[in-house]
C-alpha atoms as a PDB file:
ATOM      1  CA  UNK A   1      26.946  -6.266  10.786  1.00  0.00           C
ATOM      2  CA  UNK A   2      26.922  -8.355   8.137  1.00  0.00           C
ATOM      3  CA  UNK A   3      28.964  -8.710   4.858  1.00  0.00           C
ATOM      4  CA  UNK A   4      25.434  -7.825   3.184  1.00  0.00           C
ATOM      5  CA  UNK A   5      25.080  -4.808   5.068  1.00  0.00           C
ATOM      6  CA  UNK A   6      28.672  -3.922   6.297  1.00  0.00           C
ATOM      7  CA  UNK A   7      29.398  -1.159   9.284  1.00  0.00           C
ATOM      8  CA  UNK A   8      30.837   1.360   7.242  1.00  0.00           C
ATOM      9  CA  UNK A   9      31.936   4.602   8.693  1.00  0.00           C
ATOM     10  CA  UNK A  10      29.239   7.341   7.356  1.00  0.00           C
ATOM     11  CA  UNK A  11      29.240  10.940   7.871  1.00  0.00           C
ATOM     12  CA  UNK A  12      25.660  12.593   9.441  1.00  0.00           C
ATOM     13  CA  UNK A  13      25.825  14.372   5.498  1.00  0.00           C
ATOM     14  CA  UNK A  14      25.751  10.691   3.759  1.00  0.00           C
ATOM     15  CA  UNK A  15      23.435   9.175   6.428  1.00  0.00           C
ATOM     16  CA  UNK A  16      20.901  12.042   5.269  1.00  0.00           C
ATOM     17  CA  UNK A  17      21.116  11.688   1.950  1.00  0.00           C
ATOM     18  CA  UNK A  18      20.926   8.052   2.190  1.00  0.00           C
ATOM     19  CA  UNK A  19      17.870   8.514   4.219  1.00  0.00           C
ATOM     20  CA  UNK A  20      16.196  10.923   1.687  1.00  0.00           C
ATOM     21  CA  UNK A  21      16.773   8.336  -0.931  1.00  0.00           C
ATOM     22  CA  UNK A  22      15.075   5.684   1.088  1.00  0.00           C
ATOM     23  CA  UNK A  23      12.500   8.237   1.486  1.00  0.00           C
ATOM     24  CA  UNK A  24      12.118   8.659  -1.841  1.00  0.00           C
ATOM     25  CA  UNK A  25      12.090   5.299  -2.957  1.00  0.00           C
ATOM     26  CA  UNK A  26       9.001   4.455  -0.488  1.00  0.00           C
ATOM     27  CA  UNK A  27       6.874   7.609  -1.532  1.00  0.00           C
ATOM     28  CA  UNK A  28       7.635   6.915  -5.299  1.00  0.00           C
ATOM     29  CA  UNK A  29       4.067   4.797  -5.185  1.00  0.00           C
ATOM     30  CA  UNK A  30       2.848   7.620  -3.591  1.00  0.00           C
ATOM     31  CA  UNK A  31       2.164   6.023  -0.157  1.00  0.00           C
ATOM     32  CA  UNK A  32       4.829   5.807   2.590  1.00  0.00           C
ATOM     33  CA  UNK A  33       3.727   2.585   4.205  1.00  0.00           C
ATOM     34  CA  UNK A  34       4.345   2.204   8.273  1.00  0.00           C
ATOM     35  CA  UNK A  35       7.040  -0.527   7.514  1.00  0.00           C
ATOM     36  CA  UNK A  36       8.751   1.330   5.322  1.00  0.00           C
ATOM     37  CA  UNK A  37       8.628   4.407   7.743  1.00  0.00           C
ATOM     38  CA  UNK A  38      10.175   2.640  10.606  1.00  0.00           C
ATOM     39  CA  UNK A  39      12.821   1.065   8.455  1.00  0.00           C
ATOM     40  CA  UNK A  40      13.913   4.536   7.577  1.00  0.00           C
ATOM     41  CA  UNK A  41      13.668   5.672  10.993  1.00  0.00           C
ATOM     42  CA  UNK A  42      15.622   3.064  12.191  1.00  0.00           C
ATOM     43  CA  UNK A  43      18.598   3.558   9.829  1.00  0.00           C
ATOM     44  CA  UNK A  44      18.542   7.132  10.886  1.00  0.00           C
ATOM     45  CA  UNK A  45      18.439   6.971  14.715  1.00  0.00           C
ATOM     46  CA  UNK A  46      21.310   3.791  14.478  1.00  0.00           C
ATOM     47  CA  UNK A  47      23.754   5.597  12.162  1.00  0.00           C
ATOM     48  CA  UNK A  48      23.327   8.717  13.592  1.00  0.00           C
ATOM     49  CA  UNK A  49      21.873   8.579  17.156  1.00  0.00           C
ATOM     50  CA  UNK A  50      19.735  11.502  16.699  1.00  0.00           C
ATOM     51  CA  UNK A  51      16.091  12.014  16.854  1.00  0.00           C
ATOM     52  CA  UNK A  52      14.365  11.755  13.724  1.00  0.00           C
ATOM     53  CA  UNK A  53      11.190  13.729  12.416  1.00  0.00           C
ATOM     54  CA  UNK A  54      10.384  13.109   8.976  1.00  0.00           C
ATOM     55  CA  UNK A  55       8.859  16.757   8.568  1.00  0.00           C
ATOM     56  CA  UNK A  56      12.447  18.102   9.339  1.00  0.00           C
ATOM     57  CA  UNK A  57      14.423  15.440   7.499  1.00  0.00           C
ATOM     58  CA  UNK A  58      12.180  15.585   4.124  1.00  0.00           C
ATOM     59  CA  UNK A  59      10.627  19.333   4.584  1.00  0.00           C
ATOM     60  CA  UNK A  60      11.926  19.805   0.804  1.00  0.00           C
ATOM     61  CA  UNK A  61      11.842  17.963  -1.866  1.00  0.00           C
ATOM     62  CA  UNK A  62      13.200  14.513  -2.614  1.00  0.00           C
ATOM     63  CA  UNK A  63      16.935  14.110  -3.139  1.00  0.00           C
ATOM     64  CA  UNK A  64      18.044  14.127  -6.579  1.00  0.00           C
ATOM     65  CA  UNK A  65      20.275  11.704  -8.149  1.00  0.00           C
ATOM     66  CA  UNK A  66      23.224  14.447  -8.316  1.00  0.00           C
ATOM     67  CA  UNK A  67      22.928  15.035  -4.885  1.00  0.00           C
ATOM     68  CA  UNK A  68      22.786  11.266  -3.728  1.00  0.00           C
ATOM     69  CA  UNK A  69      25.709  10.619  -6.385  1.00  0.00           C
ATOM     70  CA  UNK A  70      28.151  13.598  -4.673  1.00  0.00           C
ATOM     71  CA  UNK A  71      27.036  12.530  -0.999  1.00  0.00           C
ATOM     72  CA  UNK A  72      28.089   8.536  -1.890  1.00  0.00           C
ATOM     73  CA  UNK A  73      31.706   8.592  -3.261  1.00  0.00           C
ATOM     74  CA  UNK A  74      32.683   5.222  -2.911  1.00  0.00           C
ATOM     75  CA  UNK A  75      31.336   1.737  -4.412  1.00  0.00           C
ATOM     76  CA  UNK A  76      30.984   0.487  -0.868  1.00  0.00           C
ATOM     77  CA  UNK A  77      28.470   3.209   0.051  1.00  0.00           C
ATOM     78  CA  UNK A  78      26.790   3.010  -3.292  1.00  0.00           C
ATOM     79  CA  UNK A  79      26.141  -0.789  -2.858  1.00  0.00           C
ATOM     80  CA  UNK A  80      24.820  -0.152   0.827  1.00  0.00           C
ATOM     81  CA  UNK A  81      22.930   2.140   0.219  1.00  0.00           C
ATOM     82  CA  UNK A  82      21.293   0.224  -3.328  1.00  0.00           C
ATOM     83  CA  UNK A  83      20.979  -3.069  -0.739  1.00  0.00           C
ATOM     84  CA  UNK A  84      18.959  -0.702   1.676  1.00  0.00           C
ATOM     85  CA  UNK A  85      16.762   0.931  -0.641  1.00  0.00           C
ATOM     86  CA  UNK A  86      15.941  -2.771  -2.728  1.00  0.00           C
ATOM     87  CA  UNK A  87      15.053  -4.270   1.226  1.00  0.00           C
ATOM     88  CA  UNK A  88      12.635  -1.228   1.362  1.00  0.00           C
ATOM     89  CA  UNK A  89      10.958  -1.591  -1.767  1.00  0.00           C
ATOM     90  CA  UNK A  90       9.861  -5.218  -0.111  1.00  0.00           C
ATOM     91  CA  UNK A  91       8.642  -4.100   3.374  1.00  0.00           C
ATOM     92  CA  UNK A  92       5.350  -3.613   2.257  1.00  0.00           C
ATOM     93  CA  UNK A  93       5.149  -6.596   0.158  1.00  0.00           C
ATOM     94  CA  UNK A  94       5.638  -5.800  -3.306  1.00  0.00           C
ATOM     95  CA  UNK A  95       8.810  -4.435  -4.945  1.00  0.00           C
ATOM     96  CA  UNK A  96       6.419  -2.264  -7.220  1.00  0.00           C
ATOM     97  CA  UNK A  97       7.179  -0.845 -10.480  1.00  0.00           C
ATOM     98  CA  UNK A  98       7.645   2.530  -9.104  1.00  0.00           C
ATOM     99  CA  UNK A  99       9.936   1.849  -6.830  1.00  0.00           C
ATOM    100  CA  UNK A 100      11.715  -0.014  -9.145  1.00  0.00           C
ATOM    101  CA  UNK A 101      11.911   2.523 -11.552  1.00  0.00           C
ATOM    102  CA  UNK A 102      13.447   5.140  -8.846  1.00  0.00           C
ATOM    103  CA  UNK A 103      16.039   2.869  -7.532  1.00  0.00           C
ATOM    104  CA  UNK A 104      16.650   2.491 -11.498  1.00  0.00           C
ATOM    105  CA  UNK A 105      17.440   6.388 -11.816  1.00  0.00           C
ATOM    106  CA  UNK A 106      19.517   6.333  -8.673  1.00  0.00           C
ATOM    107  CA  UNK A 107      21.402   3.402  -9.971  1.00  0.00           C
ATOM    108  CA  UNK A 108      21.785   5.633 -13.432  1.00  0.00           C
ATOM    109  CA  UNK A 109      23.136   8.622 -11.007  1.00  0.00           C
ATOM    110  CA  UNK A 110      25.385   6.613  -9.143  1.00  0.00           C
ATOM    111  CA  UNK A 111      27.089   5.107 -12.057  1.00  0.00           C
ATOM    112  CA  UNK A 112      25.910   1.321 -11.184  1.00  0.00           C
ATOM    113  CA  UNK A 113      25.132  -0.595 -14.492  1.00  0.00           C
ATOM    114  CA  UNK A 114      22.405  -2.791 -15.464  1.00  0.00           C
ATOM    115  CA  UNK A 115      24.748  -6.011 -14.460  1.00  0.00           C
ATOM    116  CA  UNK A 116      25.581  -4.302 -11.204  1.00  0.00           C
ATOM    117  CA  UNK A 117      22.198  -3.529 -10.196  1.00  0.00           C
ATOM    118  CA  UNK A 118      20.905  -6.991 -11.314  1.00  0.00           C
ATOM    119  CA  UNK A 119      23.945  -8.360  -8.782  1.00  0.00           C
ATOM    120  CA  UNK A 120      22.422  -6.517  -6.421  1.00  0.00           C
ATOM    121  CA  UNK A 121      18.821  -7.500  -6.489  1.00  0.00           C
ATOM    122  CA  UNK A 122      20.223 -11.129  -6.300  1.00  0.00           C
ATOM    123  CA  UNK A 123      22.168 -10.469  -3.139  1.00  0.00           C
ATOM    124  CA  UNK A 124      19.219  -9.268  -1.690  1.00  0.00           C
ATOM    125  CA  UNK A 125      16.680 -11.971  -2.442  1.00  0.00           C
ATOM    126  CA  UNK A 126      19.513 -14.195  -0.919  1.00  0.00           C
ATOM    127  CA  UNK A 127      19.461 -12.425   2.091  1.00  0.00           C
ATOM    128  CA  UNK A 128      15.484 -12.561   2.299  1.00  0.00           C
ATOM    129  CA  UNK A 129      15.699 -16.109   1.814  1.00  0.00           C
ATOM    130  CA  UNK A 130      18.354 -16.527   4.254  1.00  0.00           C
ATOM    131  CA  UNK A 131      16.134 -14.688   6.918  1.00  0.00           C
ATOM    132  CA  UNK A 132      13.518 -17.178   6.618  1.00  0.00           C
ATOM    133  CA  UNK A 133      12.859 -19.421   9.370  1.00  0.00           C
ATOM    134  CA  UNK A 134      12.869 -22.810   7.672  1.00  0.00           C
ATOM    135  CA  UNK A 135      14.253 -23.595   4.359  1.00  0.00           C
ATOM    136  CA  UNK A 136      12.432 -23.599   1.479  1.00  0.00           C
ATOM    137  CA  UNK A 137      12.301 -27.270  -0.072  1.00  0.00           C
ATOM    138  CA  UNK A 138      11.655 -28.285  -3.518  1.00  0.00           C
ATOM    139  CA  UNK A 139       8.771 -30.349  -4.327  1.00  0.00           C
END
């Protein structure tokens, strides 16, 4: 794994909490896009090795910030979740206002400051740009 998305030892409860948080971000605009669903499923399966069914994992309401915070107790876990949430927000091509607001609420619940959130957003942007097949050049 990369420094941007480090491999951490996660408990099944932490993975489930993160997946439920990602689902809350994806569904915040009223739609669950195919790419968002695939990313959440891949995240869950890669980290647990278990089968994944949206109807089972997300049968209840969206995860609340307090529940997410109780599962993600370290700075590394919080940052891992938020980076994934920010990446997820871009998968449908638009980092929308509702997605941003949901991530902002999670930042608040996790005790992540606005300065730290902006830093993480910058890291996500750099990661996405580094993934392009050809570097962008100034005109």
